[in-house]
Amino acid sequence: MTAGAARSDLESPPTVGERPLMSCMELVCAPPRHAAPGAVPGLEAHGAALHVAPGRWLLLGADAQAVAAAVAAGAVAIDVEGKWRCFELRGARAVSLLSAGVNVAEILEGRDCAAVPLFDCPTVIARHSRDHGFDVYVHASYAASLRAALQTALQRIARS
């Protein structure tokens, strides 16, 4: 890649994709002792577990065996298919897009996800490990409002 191409990537606005979350569960249980913020020990190999509220995790891609083990240990599993939507923020300036609403470095310091309001919408922001972007999870009822706020922020970034 040439220096000009690298500069162009850094200057291009981030991309925003949106998708519904299918086959996801919310897990309600006592917070694990001695765990990192937002961590659910034992579920790491079974898909993402995002800490969405005290004692509540959103499980993405967890298999039935992992959910059954959590329930056997005292958790309650709730099928929440259709409740959440995911906005995928990608590109070198994805952090600029999020920074229009929150201090990304501060809220994600020492963790990979955080439940925070973004543009007046309750969200869970998670680092996306493969491409250094972010996934923003929001209840489906707030998706239109978040989509509009992200589009406004994208327009501001494009003009800068």
Foldseek 3Di string as FASTA:
>chain_A
DDPVVVVVLLLDFKDKDKDFAAPKKKKADADDPPDFVQDDPPCPVQADWGDADHRITIGHRGDPVSVVVSVVVPIDIGHDGLFKMKMWIATNCLCVLQVVFDNVCVQCPRHQWDFDQGQNFTWIWGQDPPGRHIIIMGTPVCVVVVVVSSVVSSVVSNVD
